[in-house]
C-alpha cells in the first residue's frame, strides 16, 4: 500500500532529480515478505517512508516500530 508521503517522494525523485527512477514496493526479503518503498536495485539502495510520528500510525506503535527496526537491521546485515 502506498501512502501520500510515498507518492510525494516519488514525484520529487522523478521530477526534481537526475536519479534514475526507483522500483516501487520492491520485495527484498521474500522469507519475511519485506518490501522497500523505493529501491535502486543495481546500487543496492532502498528508501523507506515510515510516516508521521504523532499520527498514531502503524510505524509508531510498539509492534510496528519493532518490525520496522527488524527490517532495518536485516538490511544493514545484508548490505
N, C-alpha and C. Protein backbone atom coordinates (compact mmCIF):
# COMPACT_ATOMS: atom_id res chain seq x y z
N UNK A 1 0.84 -1.17 0.00
CA UNK A 1 0.00 0.00 0.00
C UNK A 1 0.89 1.24 0.00
N UNK A 2 0.58 2.16 -0.84
CA UNK A 2 1.36 3.38 -0.95
C UNK A 2 0.66 4.51 -0.20
N UNK A 3 1.46 5.32 0.46
CA UNK A 3 0.91 6.45 1.21
C UNK A 3 1.06 7.73 0.40
N UNK A 4 0.38 8.76 0.88
CA UNK A 4 0.52 10.08 0.25
C UNK A 4 1.96 10.56 0.32
N UNK A 5 2.65 10.25 1.43
CA UNK A 5 4.04 10.66 1.57
C UNK A 5 4.93 9.95 0.55
N UNK A 6 4.65 8.68 0.29
CA UNK A 6 5.41 7.95 -0.72
C UNK A 6 5.17 8.55 -2.10
N UNK A 7 3.91 8.88 -2.39
CA UNK A 7 3.60 9.48 -3.68
C UNK A 7 4.31 10.82 -3.84
N UNK A 8 4.36 11.59 -2.78
CA UNK A 8 5.05 12.88 -2.82
C UNK A 8 6.55 12.68 -3.07
N UNK A 9 7.15 11.73 -2.37
CA UNK A 9 8.57 11.48 -2.56
C UNK A 9 8.83 10.96 -3.97
N UNK A 10 7.97 10.08 -4.49
CA UNK A 10 8.10 9.60 -5.86
C UNK A 10 8.10 10.77 -6.84
N UNK A 11 7.18 11.68 -6.66
CA UNK A 11 7.11 12.85 -7.53
C UNK A 11 8.41 13.66 -7.45
N UNK A 12 8.91 13.88 -6.24
CA UNK A 12 10.13 14.66 -6.07
C UNK A 12 11.34 13.96 -6.68
N UNK A 13 11.42 12.64 -6.53
CA UNK A 13 12.55 11.90 -7.10
C UNK A 13 12.50 11.92 -8.62
N UNK A 14 11.33 11.66 -9.18
CA UNK A 14 11.24 11.52 -10.63
C UNK A 14 11.16 12.84 -11.38
N UNK A 15 10.81 13.90 -10.69
CA UNK A 15 10.71 15.20 -11.37
C UNK A 15 11.80 16.18 -10.96
N UNK A 16 12.35 15.99 -9.77
CA UNK A 16 13.25 17.00 -9.24
C UNK A 16 14.71 16.59 -9.14
N UNK A 17 15.06 15.41 -9.63
CA UNK A 17 16.45 14.97 -9.54
C UNK A 17 16.87 14.31 -10.84
N UNK A 18 18.15 14.08 -10.95
CA UNK A 18 18.69 13.36 -12.11
C UNK A 18 18.80 11.86 -11.81
N UNK A 19 18.26 11.41 -10.68
CA UNK A 19 18.33 10.00 -10.33
C UNK A 19 17.48 9.17 -11.29
N UNK A 20 17.90 7.94 -11.56
CA UNK A 20 17.00 7.06 -12.32
C UNK A 20 15.81 6.71 -11.44
N UNK A 21 14.67 6.45 -12.04
CA UNK A 21 13.50 6.12 -11.21
C UNK A 21 13.72 4.80 -10.47
N UNK A 22 13.33 4.76 -9.21
CA UNK A 22 13.47 3.52 -8.44
C UNK A 22 12.33 2.56 -8.72
N UNK A 23 12.51 1.34 -8.28
CA UNK A 23 11.43 0.35 -8.27
C UNK A 23 10.61 0.63 -7.02
N UNK A 24 9.30 0.65 -7.17
CA UNK A 24 8.44 0.86 -6.00
C UNK A 24 7.97 -0.47 -5.46
N UNK A 25 7.85 -0.54 -4.13
CA UNK A 25 7.36 -1.73 -3.44
C UNK A 25 8.18 -2.97 -3.83
N UNK A 26 9.49 -2.82 -3.75
CA UNK A 26 10.43 -3.88 -4.12
C UNK A 26 10.54 -4.92 -3.00
N UNK A 27 10.24 -6.17 -3.33
CA UNK A 27 10.34 -7.25 -2.33
C UNK A 27 11.80 -7.68 -2.24
N UNK A 28 12.43 -7.38 -1.09
CA UNK A 28 13.86 -7.65 -0.95
C UNK A 28 14.15 -8.81 -0.01
N UNK A 29 13.19 -9.28 0.72
CA UNK A 29 13.39 -10.41 1.63
C UNK A 29 12.14 -11.28 1.58
N UNK A 30 12.04 -12.16 0.57
CA UNK A 30 10.82 -12.96 0.42
C UNK A 30 10.48 -13.81 1.64
N UNK A 31 11.50 -14.26 2.37
CA UNK A 31 11.23 -15.10 3.54
C UNK A 31 10.41 -14.36 4.59
N UNK A 32 10.62 -13.05 4.69
CA UNK A 32 9.86 -12.25 5.68
C UNK A 32 8.80 -11.39 5.01
N UNK A 33 8.67 -11.50 3.70
CA UNK A 33 7.71 -10.70 2.93
C UNK A 33 7.99 -9.20 3.05
N UNK A 34 9.26 -8.84 3.22
CA UNK A 34 9.65 -7.43 3.37
C UNK A 34 9.69 -6.75 2.01
N UNK A 35 9.16 -5.54 2.00
CA UNK A 35 9.20 -4.71 0.79
C UNK A 35 9.75 -3.34 1.14
N UNK A 36 10.50 -2.79 0.21
CA UNK A 36 11.01 -1.43 0.35
C UNK A 36 10.09 -0.50 -0.44
N UNK A 37 9.87 0.69 0.10
CA UNK A 37 9.05 1.66 -0.62
C UNK A 37 9.69 2.02 -1.96
N UNK A 38 11.00 2.22 -1.95
CA UNK A 38 11.75 2.55 -3.16
C UNK A 38 13.06 1.78 -3.16
N UNK A 39 13.47 1.30 -4.33
CA UNK A 39 14.74 0.57 -4.42
C UNK A 39 15.44 0.89 -5.73
N UNK A 40 16.71 1.16 -5.60
CA UNK A 40 17.60 1.24 -6.75
C UNK A 40 18.40 -0.06 -6.69
N UNK A 41 17.85 -1.08 -7.33
CA UNK A 41 18.35 -2.44 -7.17
C UNK A 41 19.82 -2.58 -7.57
N UNK A 42 20.26 -2.08 -8.73
CA UNK A 42 21.67 -2.24 -9.10
C UNK A 42 22.63 -1.62 -8.07
N UNK A 43 22.18 -0.59 -7.38
CA UNK A 43 23.01 0.11 -6.39
C UNK A 43 22.83 -0.43 -4.97
N UNK A 44 21.91 -1.39 -4.82
CA UNK A 44 21.60 -1.98 -3.51
C UNK A 44 21.21 -0.89 -2.49
N UNK A 45 20.36 0.02 -2.94
CA UNK A 45 19.90 1.13 -2.10
C UNK A 45 18.39 1.06 -1.98
N UNK A 46 17.90 1.11 -0.74
CA UNK A 46 16.46 1.20 -0.53
C UNK A 46 16.16 2.43 0.32
N UNK A 47 14.95 2.94 0.12
CA UNK A 47 14.47 4.09 0.89
C UNK A 47 13.10 3.73 1.43
N UNK A 48 12.90 3.97 2.70
CA UNK A 48 11.63 3.70 3.36
C UNK A 48 11.02 5.01 3.85
N UNK A 49 9.72 5.13 3.72
CA UNK A 49 8.97 6.25 4.26
C UNK A 49 8.13 5.69 5.41
N UNK A 50 8.55 5.99 6.64
CA UNK A 50 7.89 5.40 7.80
C UNK A 50 6.67 6.16 8.27
N UNK A 51 6.41 7.31 7.75
CA UNK A 51 5.22 8.05 8.14
C UNK A 51 5.44 8.94 9.36
N UNK A 52 4.36 9.54 9.81
CA UNK A 52 4.43 10.52 10.88
C UNK A 52 4.58 9.89 12.26
N UNK A 53 5.23 10.61 13.13
CA UNK A 53 5.45 10.14 14.49
C UNK A 53 4.24 10.40 15.38
N UNK A 54 3.51 11.46 15.14
CA UNK A 54 2.44 11.87 16.06
C UNK A 54 1.05 11.62 15.50
N UNK A 55 0.90 10.70 14.55
CA UNK A 55 -0.41 10.50 13.93
C UNK A 55 -1.03 9.15 14.27
N UNK A 56 -0.47 8.46 15.24
CA UNK A 56 -0.99 7.17 15.70
C UNK A 56 -1.00 6.12 14.59
N UNK A 57 -0.01 6.19 13.73
CA UNK A 57 0.09 5.22 12.65
C UNK A 57 0.80 3.95 13.06
N UNK A 58 0.87 3.01 12.14
CA UNK A 58 1.48 1.70 12.39
C UNK A 58 2.93 1.83 12.81
N UNK A 59 3.65 2.79 12.25
CA UNK A 59 5.09 2.88 12.46
C UNK A 59 5.49 3.38 13.84
N UNK A 60 4.56 3.92 14.60
CA UNK A 60 4.95 4.40 15.93
C UNK A 60 4.27 3.61 17.05
N UNK A 61 3.56 2.55 16.72
CA UNK A 61 3.06 1.63 17.74
C UNK A 61 4.12 0.59 18.01
N UNK A 62 4.06 -0.03 19.16
CA UNK A 62 5.10 -0.97 19.57
C UNK A 62 5.44 -2.03 18.54
N UNK A 63 4.45 -2.79 18.08
CA UNK A 63 4.72 -3.89 17.15
C UNK A 63 5.21 -3.38 15.80
N UNK A 64 4.60 -2.32 15.31
CA UNK A 64 5.02 -1.75 14.02
C UNK A 64 6.43 -1.18 14.08
N UNK A 65 6.72 -0.49 15.16
CA UNK A 65 8.05 0.09 15.33
C UNK A 65 9.10 -1.02 15.41
N UNK A 66 8.80 -2.07 16.17
CA UNK A 66 9.73 -3.19 16.30
C UNK A 66 9.95 -3.87 14.95
N UNK A 67 8.89 -4.09 14.19
CA UNK A 67 9.02 -4.71 12.87
C UNK A 67 9.87 -3.85 11.93
N UNK A 68 9.69 -2.53 12.00
CA UNK A 68 10.49 -1.63 11.16
C UNK A 68 11.96 -1.71 11.53
N UNK A 69 12.28 -1.77 12.82
CA UNK A 69 13.69 -1.86 13.23
C UNK A 69 14.29 -3.20 12.83
N UNK A 70 13.49 -4.28 12.93
CA UNK A 70 13.98 -5.58 12.48
C UNK A 70 14.27 -5.56 10.98
N UNK A 71 13.41 -4.92 10.21
CA UNK A 71 13.62 -4.78 8.76
C UNK A 71 14.89 -3.98 8.49
N UNK A 72 15.06 -2.87 9.20
CA UNK A 72 16.25 -2.03 9.01
C UNK A 72 17.52 -2.80 9.37
N UNK A 73 17.47 -3.53 10.47
CA UNK A 73 18.64 -4.31 10.88
C UNK A 73 18.96 -5.40 9.86
N UNK A 74 17.94 -6.08 9.33
CA UNK A 74 18.17 -7.10 8.32
C UNK A 74 18.88 -6.49 7.11
N UNK A 75 18.41 -5.32 6.70
CA UNK A 75 19.03 -4.65 5.55
C UNK A 75 20.49 -4.32 5.82
N UNK A 76 20.78 -3.81 6.99
CA UNK A 76 22.17 -3.48 7.33
C UNK A 76 23.04 -4.72 7.32
N UNK A 77 22.54 -5.81 7.87
CA UNK A 77 23.32 -7.04 7.95
C UNK A 77 23.56 -7.67 6.57
N UNK A 78 22.68 -7.38 5.60
CA UNK A 78 22.78 -7.97 4.27
C UNK A 78 23.22 -6.98 3.21
N UNK A 79 23.77 -5.88 3.63
CA UNK A 79 24.33 -4.92 2.68
C UNK A 79 23.31 -4.16 1.89
